[in-house]
Amino acid sequence: KGRFTISRDSAKNTVYLQMNSLKPEDTAVYYCAADSSGNY
């Protein structure tokens, strides 16, 4: 919180994760996933 920002661009059919102030503890493989029940 306060370092990462998630956003989406419908026209590009793409979601982004902006990661700032990165720490060694953030080292990992990052995966995105889609949920059909996430309307609200």
PDB file of all heavy atoms in Angstrom:
ATOM      1  N   LYS A   1       0.830  -1.202   0.000  1.00  0.00           N
ATOM      2  CA  LYS A   1       0.000   0.000   0.000  1.00  0.00           C
ATOM      3  C   LYS A   1       0.867   1.255   0.000  1.00  0.00           C
ATOM      4  O   LYS A   1       1.825   1.361   0.753  1.00  0.00           O
ATOM      5  CB  LYS A   1      -0.936   0.011   1.211  1.00  0.00           C
ATOM      6  CG  LYS A   1      -2.087  -0.957   1.096  1.00  0.00           C
ATOM      7  CD  LYS A   1      -2.994  -0.894   2.317  1.00  0.00           C
ATOM      8  CE  LYS A   1      -4.155  -1.855   2.179  1.00  0.00           C
ATOM      9  NZ  LYS A   1      -5.013  -1.865   3.385  1.00  0.00           N
ATOM     10  N   GLY A   2       0.513   2.191  -0.861  1.00  0.00           N
ATOM     11  CA  GLY A   2       1.276   3.414  -0.998  1.00  0.00           C
ATOM     12  C   GLY A   2       2.427   3.320  -1.968  1.00  0.00           C
ATOM     13  O   GLY A   2       3.011   4.350  -2.328  1.00  0.00           O
ATOM     14  N   ARG A   3       2.783   2.108  -2.388  1.00  0.00           N
ATOM     15  CA  ARG A   3       3.881   1.911  -3.326  1.00  0.00           C
ATOM     16  C   ARG A   3       3.418   1.392  -4.685  1.00  0.00           C
ATOM     17  O   ARG A   3       3.986   1.755  -5.711  1.00  0.00           O
ATOM     18  CB  ARG A   3       4.911   0.935  -2.750  1.00  0.00           C
ATOM     19  CG  ARG A   3       5.531   1.401  -1.441  1.00  0.00           C
ATOM     20  CD  ARG A   3       6.703   0.503  -1.034  1.00  0.00           C
ATOM     21  NE  ARG A   3       6.279  -0.869  -0.782  1.00  0.00           N
ATOM     22  CZ  ARG A   3       6.748  -1.929  -1.434  1.00  0.00           C
ATOM     23  NH1 ARG A   3       7.667  -1.789  -2.388  1.00  0.00           N
ATOM     24  NH2 ARG A   3       6.319  -3.147  -1.109  1.00  0.00           N
ATOM     25  N   PHE A   4       2.415   0.524  -4.695  1.00  0.00           N
ATOM     26  CA  PHE A   4       1.910  -0.082  -5.932  1.00  0.00           C
ATOM     27  C   PHE A   4       0.569   0.525  -6.303  1.00  0.00           C
ATOM     28  O   PHE A   4      -0.238   0.881  -5.430  1.00  0.00           O
ATOM     29  CB  PHE A   4       1.724  -1.592  -5.766  1.00  0.00           C
ATOM     30  CG  PHE A   4       2.988  -2.390  -5.629  1.00  0.00           C
ATOM     31  CD1 PHE A   4       4.216  -1.793  -5.438  1.00  0.00           C
ATOM     32  CD2 PHE A   4       2.923  -3.776  -5.705  1.00  0.00           C
ATOM     33  CE1 PHE A   4       5.376  -2.536  -5.307  1.00  0.00           C
ATOM     34  CE2 PHE A   4       4.071  -4.542  -5.575  1.00  0.00           C
ATOM     35  CZ  PHE A   4       5.294  -3.926  -5.378  1.00  0.00           C
ATOM     36  N   THR A   5       0.293   0.620  -7.599  1.00  0.00           N
ATOM     37  CA  THR A   5      -0.986   1.097  -8.101  1.00  0.00           C
ATOM     38  C   THR A   5      -1.461   0.199  -9.236  1.00  0.00           C
ATOM     39  O   THR A   5      -0.724  -0.018 -10.199  1.00  0.00           O
ATOM     40  CB  THR A   5      -0.889   2.544  -8.613  1.00  0.00           C
ATOM     41  OG1 THR A   5      -0.415   3.400  -7.572  1.00  0.00           O
ATOM     42  CG2 THR A   5      -2.259   3.035  -9.071  1.00  0.00           C
ATOM     43  N   ILE A   6      -2.682  -0.316  -9.116  1.00  0.00           N
ATOM     44  CA  ILE A   6      -3.271  -1.128 -10.163  1.00  0.00           C
ATOM     45  C   ILE A   6      -4.228  -0.268 -10.982  1.00  0.00           C
ATOM     46  O   ILE A   6      -4.914   0.605 -10.438  1.00  0.00           O
ATOM     47  CB  ILE A   6      -3.991  -2.362  -9.569  1.00  0.00           C
ATOM     48  CG1 ILE A   6      -4.378  -3.355 -10.666  1.00  0.00           C
ATOM     49  CG2 ILE A   6      -5.195  -1.954  -8.740  1.00  0.00           C
ATOM     50  CD1 ILE A   6      -4.862  -4.700 -10.124  1.00  0.00           C
ATOM     51  N   SER A   7      -4.269  -0.491 -12.287  1.00  0.00           N
ATOM     52  CA  SER A   7      -5.159   0.256 -13.163  1.00  0.00           C
ATOM     53  C   SER A   7      -5.516  -0.604 -14.362  1.00  0.00           C
ATOM     54  O   SER A   7      -4.889  -1.639 -14.602  1.00  0.00           O
ATOM     55  CB  SER A   7      -4.516   1.573 -13.611  1.00  0.00           C
ATOM     56  OG  SER A   7      -3.334   1.336 -14.356  1.00  0.00           O
ATOM     57  N   ARG A   8      -6.531  -0.180 -15.107  1.00  0.00           N
ATOM     58  CA  ARG A   8      -6.902  -0.920 -16.306  1.00  0.00           C
ATOM     59  C   ARG A   8      -7.257   0.030 -17.436  1.00  0.00           C
ATOM     60  O   ARG A   8      -7.749   1.140 -17.215  1.00  0.00           O
ATOM     61  CB  ARG A   8      -8.037  -1.914 -16.012  1.00  0.00           C
ATOM     62  CG  ARG A   8      -9.356  -1.306 -15.578  1.00  0.00           C
ATOM     63  CD  ARG A   8     -10.286  -2.395 -15.007  1.00  0.00           C
ATOM     64  NE  ARG A   8     -10.431  -3.526 -15.917  1.00  0.00           N
ATOM     65  CZ  ARG A   8     -10.753  -4.760 -15.560  1.00  0.00           C
ATOM     66  NH1 ARG A   8     -10.976  -5.049 -14.280  1.00  0.00           N
ATOM     67  NH2 ARG A   8     -10.856  -5.719 -16.463  1.00  0.00           N
ATOM     68  N   ASP A   9      -7.002  -0.432 -18.651  1.00  0.00           N
ATOM     69  CA  ASP A   9      -7.292   0.302 -19.868  1.00  0.00           C
ATOM     70  C   ASP A   9      -8.150  -0.610 -20.741  1.00  0.00           C
ATOM     71  O   ASP A   9      -7.638  -1.525 -21.380  1.00  0.00           O
ATOM     72  CB  ASP A   9      -6.004   0.698 -20.579  1.00  0.00           C
ATOM     73  CG  ASP A   9      -6.231   1.604 -21.771  1.00  0.00           C
ATOM     74  OD1 ASP A   9      -7.319   1.553 -22.377  1.00  0.00           O
ATOM     75  OD2 ASP A   9      -5.314   2.373 -22.108  1.00  0.00           O
ATOM     76  N   SER A  10      -9.460  -0.357 -20.751  1.00  0.00           N
ATOM     77  CA  SER A  10     -10.379  -1.221 -21.480  1.00  0.00           C
ATOM     78  C   SER A  10     -10.094  -1.241 -22.978  1.00  0.00           C
ATOM     79  O   SER A  10     -10.218  -2.276 -23.626  1.00  0.00           O
ATOM     80  CB  SER A  10     -11.825  -0.780 -21.237  1.00  0.00           C
ATOM     81  OG  SER A  10     -12.184  -0.944 -19.885  1.00  0.00           O
ATOM     82  N   ALA A  11      -9.718  -0.093 -23.536  1.00  0.00           N
ATOM     83  CA  ALA A  11      -9.444  -0.009 -24.965  1.00  0.00           C
ATOM     84  C   ALA A  11      -8.288  -0.908 -25.376  1.00  0.00           C
ATOM     85  O   ALA A  11      -8.261  -1.432 -26.493  1.00  0.00           O
ATOM     86  CB  ALA A  11      -9.163   1.432 -25.371  1.00  0.00           C
ATOM     87  N   LYS A  12      -7.325  -1.090 -24.483  1.00  0.00           N
ATOM     88  CA  LYS A  12      -6.169  -1.930 -24.765  1.00  0.00           C
ATOM     89  C   LYS A  12      -6.320  -3.339 -24.217  1.00  0.00           C
ATOM     90  O   LYS A  12      -5.428  -4.169 -24.407  1.00  0.00           O
ATOM     91  CB  LYS A  12      -4.905  -1.299 -24.194  1.00  0.00           C
ATOM     92  CG  LYS A  12      -4.543   0.031 -24.832  1.00  0.00           C
ATOM     93  CD  LYS A  12      -3.280   0.611 -24.231  1.00  0.00           C
ATOM     94  CE  LYS A  12      -2.913   1.927 -24.885  1.00  0.00           C
ATOM     95  NZ  LYS A  12      -1.686   2.525 -24.290  1.00  0.00           N
ATOM     96  N   ASN A  13      -7.442  -3.602 -23.523  1.00  0.00           N
ATOM     97  CA  ASN A  13      -7.695  -4.919 -22.937  1.00  0.00           C
ATOM     98  C   ASN A  13      -6.529  -5.344 -22.038  1.00  0.00           C
ATOM     99  O   ASN A  13      -6.101  -6.500 -22.044  1.00  0.00           O
ATOM    100  CB  ASN A  13      -7.935  -5.964 -24.031  1.00  0.00           C
ATOM    101  CG  ASN A  13      -8.893  -7.057 -23.611  1.00  0.00           C
ATOM    102  OD1 ASN A  13      -9.758  -6.862 -22.756  1.00  0.00           O
ATOM    103  ND2 ASN A  13      -8.744  -8.235 -24.218  1.00  0.00           N
ATOM    104  N   THR A  14      -6.042  -4.390 -21.249  1.00  0.00           N
ATOM    105  CA  THR A  14      -4.832  -4.576 -20.469  1.00  0.00           C
ATOM    106  C   THR A  14      -4.991  -4.000 -19.063  1.00  0.00           C
ATOM    107  O   THR A  14      -5.631  -2.961 -18.885  1.00  0.00           O
ATOM    108  CB  THR A  14      -3.638  -3.908 -21.168  1.00  0.00           C
ATOM    109  OG1 THR A  14      -3.436  -4.515 -22.455  1.00  0.00           O
ATOM    110  CG2 THR A  14      -2.358  -4.057 -20.353  1.00  0.00           C
ATOM    111  N   VAL A  15      -4.400  -4.679 -18.090  1.00  0.00           N
ATOM    112  CA  VAL A  15      -4.320  -4.213 -16.713  1.00  0.00           C
ATOM    113  C   VAL A  15      -2.853  -4.008 -16.362  1.00  0.00           C
ATOM    114  O   VAL A  15      -1.986  -4.784 -16.786  1.00  0.00           O
ATOM    115  CB  VAL A  15      -4.992  -5.210 -15.749  1.00  0.00           C
ATOM    116  CG1 VAL A  15      -4.747  -4.811 -14.295  1.00  0.00           C
ATOM    117  CG2 VAL A  15      -6.486  -5.271 -16.023  1.00  0.00           C
ATOM    118  N   TYR A  16      -2.585  -2.974 -15.577  1.00  0.00           N
ATOM    119  CA  TYR A  16      -1.219  -2.618 -15.223  1.00  0.00           C
ATOM    120  C   TYR A  16      -1.020  -2.681 -13.718  1.00  0.00           C
ATOM    121  O   TYR A  16      -1.950  -2.488 -12.933  1.00  0.00           O
ATOM    122  CB  TYR A  16      -0.891  -1.204 -15.697  1.00  0.00           C
ATOM    123  CG  TYR A  16      -1.085  -0.999 -17.171  1.00  0.00           C
ATOM    124  CD1 TYR A  16      -2.248  -0.429 -17.661  1.00  0.00           C
ATOM    125  CD2 TYR A  16      -0.105  -1.389 -18.077  1.00  0.00           C
ATOM    126  CE1 TYR A  16      -2.435  -0.247 -19.018  1.00  0.00           C
ATOM    127  CE2 TYR A  16      -0.282  -1.213 -19.437  1.00  0.00           C
ATOM    128  CZ  TYR A  16      -1.448  -0.641 -19.904  1.00  0.00           C
ATOM    129  OH  TYR A  16      -1.616  -0.468 -21.250  1.00  0.00           O
ATOM    130  N   LEU A  17       0.210  -2.933 -13.314  1.00  0.00           N
ATOM    131  CA  LEU A  17       0.614  -2.801 -11.924  1.00  0.00           C
ATOM    132  C   LEU A  17       1.863  -1.930 -11.889  1.00  0.00           C
ATOM    133  O   LEU A  17       2.948  -2.381 -12.272  1.00  0.00           O
ATOM    134  CB  LEU A  17       0.886  -4.160 -11.281  1.00  0.00           C
ATOM    135  CG  LEU A  17       1.201  -4.126  -9.781  1.00  0.00           C
ATOM    136  CD1 LEU A  17      -0.035  -3.698  -8.984  1.00  0.00           C
ATOM    137  CD2 LEU A  17       1.701  -5.479  -9.289  1.00  0.00           C
ATOM    138  N   GLN A  18       1.698  -0.686 -11.474  1.00  0.00           N
ATOM    139  CA  GLN A  18       2.815   0.226 -11.321  1.00  0.00           C
ATOM    140  C   GLN A  18       3.437  -0.002  -9.951  1.00  0.00           C
ATOM    141  O   GLN A  18       2.757   0.129  -8.932  1.00  0.00           O
ATOM    142  CB  GLN A  18       2.358   1.679 -11.446  1.00  0.00           C
ATOM    143  CG  GLN A  18       3.466   2.708 -11.256  1.00  0.00           C
ATOM    144  CD  GLN A  18       4.492   2.675 -12.359  1.00  0.00           C
ATOM    145  OE1 GLN A  18       4.145   2.630 -13.529  1.00  0.00           O
ATOM    146  NE2 GLN A  18       5.767   2.688 -11.993  1.00  0.00           N
ATOM    147  N   MET A  19       4.719  -0.331  -9.919  1.00  0.00           N
ATOM    148  CA  MET A  19       5.416  -0.661  -8.685  1.00  0.00           C
ATOM    149  C   MET A  19       6.522   0.356  -8.460  1.00  0.00           C
ATOM    150  O   MET A  19       7.471   0.429  -9.239  1.00  0.00           O
ATOM    151  CB  MET A  19       5.993  -2.074  -8.745  1.00  0.00           C
ATOM    152  CG  MET A  19       4.959  -3.141  -9.083  1.00  0.00           C
ATOM    153  SD  MET A  19       5.627  -4.825  -8.961  1.00  0.00           S
ATOM    154  CE  MET A  19       6.848  -4.769 -10.277  1.00  0.00           C
ATOM    155  N   ASN A  20       6.397   1.141  -7.403  1.00  0.00           N
ATOM    156  CA  ASN A  20       7.379   2.151  -7.036  1.00  0.00           C
ATOM    157  C   ASN A  20       8.030   1.795  -5.707  1.00  0.00           C
ATOM    158  O   ASN A  20       7.517   0.983  -4.943  1.00  0.00           O
ATOM    159  CB  ASN A  20       6.724   3.527  -6.936  1.00  0.00           C
ATOM    160  CG  ASN A  20       6.108   3.996  -8.229  1.00  0.00           C
ATOM    161  OD1 ASN A  20       6.607   3.702  -9.309  1.00  0.00           O
ATOM    162  ND2 ASN A  20       5.003   4.741  -8.127  1.00  0.00           N
ATOM    163  N   SER A  21       9.150   2.439  -5.419  1.00  0.00           N
ATOM    164  CA  SER A  21       9.868   2.230  -4.160  1.00  0.00           C
ATOM    165  C   SER A  21      10.081   0.751  -3.870  1.00  0.00           C
ATOM    166  O   SER A  21       9.825   0.265  -2.768  1.00  0.00           O
ATOM    167  CB  SER A  21       9.116   2.900  -3.007  1.00  0.00           C
ATOM    168  OG  SER A  21       8.951   4.279  -3.235  1.00  0.00           O
ATOM    169  N   LEU A  22      10.555   0.037  -4.863  1.00  0.00           N
ATOM    170  CA  LEU A  22      10.677  -1.415  -4.757  1.00  0.00           C
ATOM    171  C   LEU A  22      11.706  -1.820  -3.712  1.00  0.00           C
ATOM    172  O   LEU A  22      12.730  -1.161  -3.529  1.00  0.00           O
ATOM    173  CB  LEU A  22      11.029  -2.014  -6.109  1.00  0.00           C
ATOM    174  CG  LEU A  22       9.849  -2.114  -7.076  1.00  0.00           C
ATOM    175  CD1 LEU A  22      10.333  -2.290  -8.506  1.00  0.00           C
ATOM    176  CD2 LEU A  22       8.930  -3.262  -6.671  1.00  0.00           C
ATOM    177  N   LYS A  23      11.407  -2.919  -3.030  1.00  0.00           N
ATOM    178  CA  LYS A  23      12.244  -3.476  -1.986  1.00  0.00           C
ATOM    179  C   LYS A  23      12.697  -4.875  -2.379  1.00  0.00           C
ATOM    180  O   LYS A  23      12.028  -5.547  -3.164  1.00  0.00           O
ATOM    181  CB  LYS A  23      11.464  -3.558  -0.667  1.00  0.00           C
ATOM    182  CG  LYS A  23      10.871  -2.246  -0.190  1.00  0.00           C
ATOM    183  CD  LYS A  23      10.009  -2.465   1.039  1.00  0.00           C
ATOM    184  CE  LYS A  23       9.415  -1.164   1.532  1.00  0.00           C
ATOM    185  NZ  LYS A  23       8.567  -1.375   2.739  1.00  0.00           N
ATOM    186  N   PRO A  24      13.819  -5.351  -1.831  1.00  0.00           N
ATOM    187  CA  PRO A  24      14.234  -6.731  -2.116  1.00  0.00           C
ATOM    188  C   PRO A  24      13.154  -7.759  -1.801  1.00  0.00           C
ATOM    189  O   PRO A  24      13.072  -8.785  -2.491  1.00  0.00           O
ATOM    190  CB  PRO A  24      15.461  -6.920  -1.221  1.00  0.00           C
ATOM    191  CG  PRO A  24      16.030  -5.551  -1.086  1.00  0.00           C
ATOM    192  CD  PRO A  24      14.837  -4.632  -1.041  1.00  0.00           C
ATOM    193  N   GLU A  25      12.322  -7.492  -0.804  1.00  0.00           N
ATOM    194  CA  GLU A  25      11.244  -8.397  -0.441  1.00  0.00           C
ATOM    195  C   GLU A  25      10.171  -8.517  -1.519  1.00  0.00           C
ATOM    196  O   GLU A  25       9.337  -9.419  -1.459  1.00  0.00           O
ATOM    197  CB  GLU A  25      10.577  -7.946   0.865  1.00  0.00           C
ATOM    198  CG  GLU A  25      11.543  -7.781   2.023  1.00  0.00           C
ATOM    199  CD  GLU A  25      12.069  -6.360   2.124  1.00  0.00           C
ATOM    200  OE1 GLU A  25      13.118  -6.081   1.508  1.00  0.00           O
ATOM    201  OE2 GLU A  25      11.440  -5.538   2.825  1.00  0.00           O
ATOM    202  N   ASP A  26      10.172  -7.615  -2.496  1.00  0.00           N
ATOM    203  CA  ASP A  26       9.230  -7.690  -3.609  1.00  0.00           C
ATOM    204  C   ASP A  26       9.672  -8.670  -4.690  1.00  0.00           C
ATOM    205  O   ASP A  26       8.921  -8.913  -5.637  1.00  0.00           O
ATOM    206  CB  ASP A  26       9.039  -6.310  -4.243  1.00  0.00           C
ATOM    207  CG  ASP A  26       8.426  -5.301  -3.287  1.00  0.00           C
ATOM    208  OD1 ASP A  26       7.469  -5.663  -2.569  1.00  0.00           O
ATOM    209  OD2 ASP A  26       8.894  -4.147  -3.267  1.00  0.00           O
ATOM    210  N   THR A  27      10.875  -9.202  -4.574  1.00  0.00           N
ATOM    211  CA  THR A  27      11.384 -10.144  -5.567  1.00  0.00           C
ATOM    212  C   THR A  27      10.511 -11.390  -5.622  1.00  0.00           C
ATOM    213  O   THR A  27      10.288 -12.054  -4.607  1.00  0.00           O
ATOM    214  CB  THR A  27      12.830 -10.530  -5.244  1.00  0.00           C
ATOM    215  OG1 THR A  27      13.666  -9.378  -5.346  1.00  0.00           O
ATOM    216  CG2 THR A  27      13.343 -11.593  -6.204  1.00  0.00           C
ATOM    217  N   ALA A  28      10.010 -11.716  -6.809  1.00  0.00           N
ATOM    218  CA  ALA A  28       9.111 -12.852  -6.988  1.00  0.00           C
ATOM    219  C   ALA A  28       8.739 -12.959  -8.458  1.00  0.00           C
ATOM    220  O   ALA A  28       9.009 -12.057  -9.248  1.00  0.00           O
ATOM    221  CB  ALA A  28       7.844 -12.683  -6.147  1.00  0.00           C
ATOM    222  N   VAL A  29       8.093 -14.061  -8.811  1.00  0.00           N
ATOM    223  CA  VAL A  29       7.393 -14.158 -10.083  1.00  0.00           C
ATOM    224  C   VAL A  29       5.995 -13.591  -9.875  1.00  0.00           C
ATOM    225  O   VAL A  29       5.292 -13.997  -8.950  1.00  0.00           O
ATOM    226  CB  VAL A  29       7.316 -15.604 -10.593  1.00  0.00           C
ATOM    227  CG1 VAL A  29       6.507 -15.676 -11.889  1.00  0.00           C
ATOM    228  CG2 VAL A  29       8.716 -16.163 -10.823  1.00  0.00           C
ATOM    229  N   TYR A  30       5.600 -12.658 -10.716  1.00  0.00           N
ATOM    230  CA  TYR A  30       4.307 -12.002 -10.607  1.00  0.00           C
ATOM    231  C   TYR A  30       3.352 -12.555 -11.655  1.00  0.00           C
ATOM    232  O   TYR A  30       3.695 -12.666 -12.835  1.00  0.00           O
ATOM    233  CB  TYR A  30       4.454 -10.489 -10.797  1.00  0.00           C
ATOM    234  CG  TYR A  30       5.000  -9.801  -9.570  1.00  0.00           C
ATOM    235  CD1 TYR A  30       6.321  -9.983  -9.180  1.00  0.00           C
ATOM    236  CD2 TYR A  30       4.190  -8.982  -8.787  1.00  0.00           C
ATOM    237  CE1 TYR A  30       6.823  -9.375  -8.045  1.00  0.00           C
ATOM    238  CE2 TYR A  30       4.679  -8.365  -7.650  1.00  0.00           C
ATOM    239  CZ  TYR A  30       6.001  -8.567  -7.285  1.00  0.00           C
ATOM    240  OH  TYR A  30       6.494  -7.944  -6.156  1.00  0.00           O
ATOM    241  N   TYR A  31       2.142 -12.908 -11.216  1.00  0.00           N
ATOM    242  CA  TYR A  31       1.109 -13.480 -12.069  1.00  0.00           C
ATOM    243  C   TYR A  31      -0.129 -12.595 -12.055  1.00  0.00           C
ATOM    244  O   TYR A  31      -0.503 -12.060 -11.009  1.00  0.00           O
ATOM    245  CB  TYR A  31       0.686 -14.865 -11.569  1.00  0.00           C
ATOM    246  CG  TYR A  31       1.788 -15.892 -11.511  1.00  0.00           C
ATOM    247  CD1 TYR A  31       2.588 -16.021 -10.382  1.00  0.00           C
ATOM    248  CD2 TYR A  31       2.015 -16.746 -12.586  1.00  0.00           C
ATOM    249  CE1 TYR A  31       3.593 -16.965 -10.319  1.00  0.00           C
ATOM    250  CE2 TYR A  31       3.017 -17.698 -12.528  1.00  0.00           C
ATOM    251  CZ  TYR A  31       3.800 -17.805 -11.386  1.00  0.00           C
ATOM    252  OH  TYR A  31       4.788 -18.754 -11.334  1.00  0.00           O
ATOM    253  N   CYS A  32      -0.791 -12.471 -13.187  1.00  0.00           N
ATOM    254  CA  CYS A  32      -2.120 -11.875 -13.203  1.00  0.00           C
ATOM    255  C   CYS A  32      -3.155 -12.960 -13.444  1.00  0.00           C
ATOM    256  O   CYS A  32      -2.857 -14.032 -13.990  1.00  0.00           O
ATOM    257  CB  CYS A  32      -2.242 -10.747 -14.234  1.00  0.00           C
ATOM    258  SG  CYS A  32      -2.116 -11.244 -15.966  1.00  0.00           S
ATOM    259  N   ALA A  33      -4.384 -12.699 -13.001  1.00  0.00           N
ATOM    260  CA  ALA A  33      -5.464 -13.664 -13.103  1.00  0.00           C
ATOM    261  C   ALA A  33      -6.792 -12.939 -13.269  1.00  0.00           C
ATOM    262  O   ALA A  33      -6.937 -11.799 -12.829  1.00  0.00           O
ATOM    263  CB  ALA A  33      -5.498 -14.553 -11.853  1.00  0.00           C
ATOM    264  N   ALA A  34      -7.774 -13.605 -13.894  1.00  0.00           N
ATOM    265  CA  ALA A  34      -9.071 -13.015 -14.203  1.00  0.00           C
ATOM    266  C   ALA A  34     -10.192 -13.752 -13.484  1.00  0.00           C
ATOM    267  O   ALA A  34     -10.220 -14.984 -13.459  1.00  0.00           O
ATOM    268  CB  ALA A  34      -9.317 -13.038 -15.710  1.00  0.00           C
ATOM    269  N   ASP A  35     -11.132 -12.976 -12.916  1.00  0.00           N
ATOM    270  CA  ASP A  35     -12.260 -13.489 -12.138  1.00  0.00           C
ATOM    271  C   ASP A  35     -13.549 -12.993 -12.768  1.00  0.00           C
ATOM    272  O   ASP A  35     -13.796 -11.782 -12.799  1.00  0.00           O
ATOM    273  CB  ASP A  35     -12.134 -13.016 -10.689  1.00  0.00           C
ATOM    274  CG  ASP A  35     -13.343 -13.318  -9.832  1.00  0.00           C
ATOM    275  OD1 ASP A  35     -14.196 -14.132 -10.238  1.00  0.00           O
ATOM    276  OD2 ASP A  35     -13.437 -12.739  -8.725  1.00  0.00           O
ATOM    277  N   SER A  36     -14.408 -13.903 -13.224  1.00  0.00           N
ATOM    278  CA  SER A  36     -15.644 -13.532 -13.902  1.00  0.00           C
ATOM    279  C   SER A  36     -16.718 -12.997 -12.973  1.00  0.00           C
ATOM    280  O   SER A  36     -17.730 -12.478 -13.448  1.00  0.00           O
ATOM    281  CB  SER A  36     -16.207 -14.734 -14.670  1.00  0.00           C
ATOM    282  OG  SER A  36     -16.541 -15.790 -13.795  1.00  0.00           O
ATOM    283  N   SER A  37     -16.527 -13.079 -11.659  1.00  0.00           N
ATOM    284  CA  SER A  37     -17.529 -12.649 -10.688  1.00  0.00           C
ATOM    285  C   SER A  37     -17.183 -11.332 -10.011  1.00  0.00           C
ATOM    286  O   SER A  37     -17.762 -11.002  -8.979  1.00  0.00           O
ATOM    287  CB  SER A  37     -17.734 -13.728  -9.625  1.00  0.00           C
ATOM    288  OG  SER A  37     -18.184 -14.936 -10.194  1.00  0.00           O
ATOM    289  N   GLY A  38     -16.272 -10.585 -10.588  1.00  0.00           N
ATOM    290  CA  GLY A  38     -15.780  -9.373  -9.949  1.00  0.00           C
ATOM    291  C   GLY A  38     -16.417  -8.085 -10.427  1.00  0.00           C
ATOM    292  O   GLY A  38     -15.701  -7.114 -10.696  1.00  0.00           O
ATOM    293  N   ASN A  39     -17.740  -8.042 -10.536  1.00  0.00           N
ATOM    294  CA  ASN A  39     -18.427  -6.855 -11.037  1.00  0.00           C
ATOM    295  C   ASN A  39     -18.222  -5.630 -10.165  1.00  0.00           C
ATOM    296  O   ASN A  39     -17.876  -4.556 -10.665  1.00  0.00           O
ATOM    297  CB  ASN A  39     -19.923  -7.123 -11.176  1.00  0.00           C
ATOM    298  CG  ASN A  39     -20.256  -8.040 -12.321  1.00  0.00           C
ATOM    299  OD1 ASN A  39     -19.445  -8.863 -12.745  1.00  0.00           O
ATOM    300  ND2 ASN A  39     -21.469  -7.909 -12.836  1.00  0.00           N
ATOM    301  N   TYR A  40     -18.445  -5.797  -8.860  1.00  0.00           N
ATOM    302  CA  TYR A  40     -18.392  -4.668  -7.939  1.00  0.00           C
ATOM    303  C   TYR A  40     -17.174  -4.684  -7.034  1.00  0.00           C
ATOM    304  O   TYR A  40     -16.693  -3.630  -6.622  1.00  0.00           O
ATOM    305  CB  TYR A  40     -19.652  -4.648  -7.067  1.00  0.00           C
ATOM    306  CG  TYR A  40     -20.928  -4.515  -7.853  1.00  0.00           C
ATOM    307  CD1 TYR A  40     -21.730  -5.620  -8.096  1.00  0.00           C
ATOM    308  CD2 TYR A  40     -21.318  -3.280  -8.354  1.00  0.00           C
ATOM    309  CE1 TYR A  40     -22.894  -5.506  -8.828  1.00  0.00           C
ATOM    310  CE2 TYR A  40     -22.483  -3.155  -9.079  1.00  0.00           C
ATOM    311  CZ  TYR A  40     -23.270  -4.269  -9.315  1.00  0.00           C
ATOM    312  OH  TYR A  40     -24.436  -4.146 -10.036  1.00  0.00           O
TER     313      TYR A  40
END
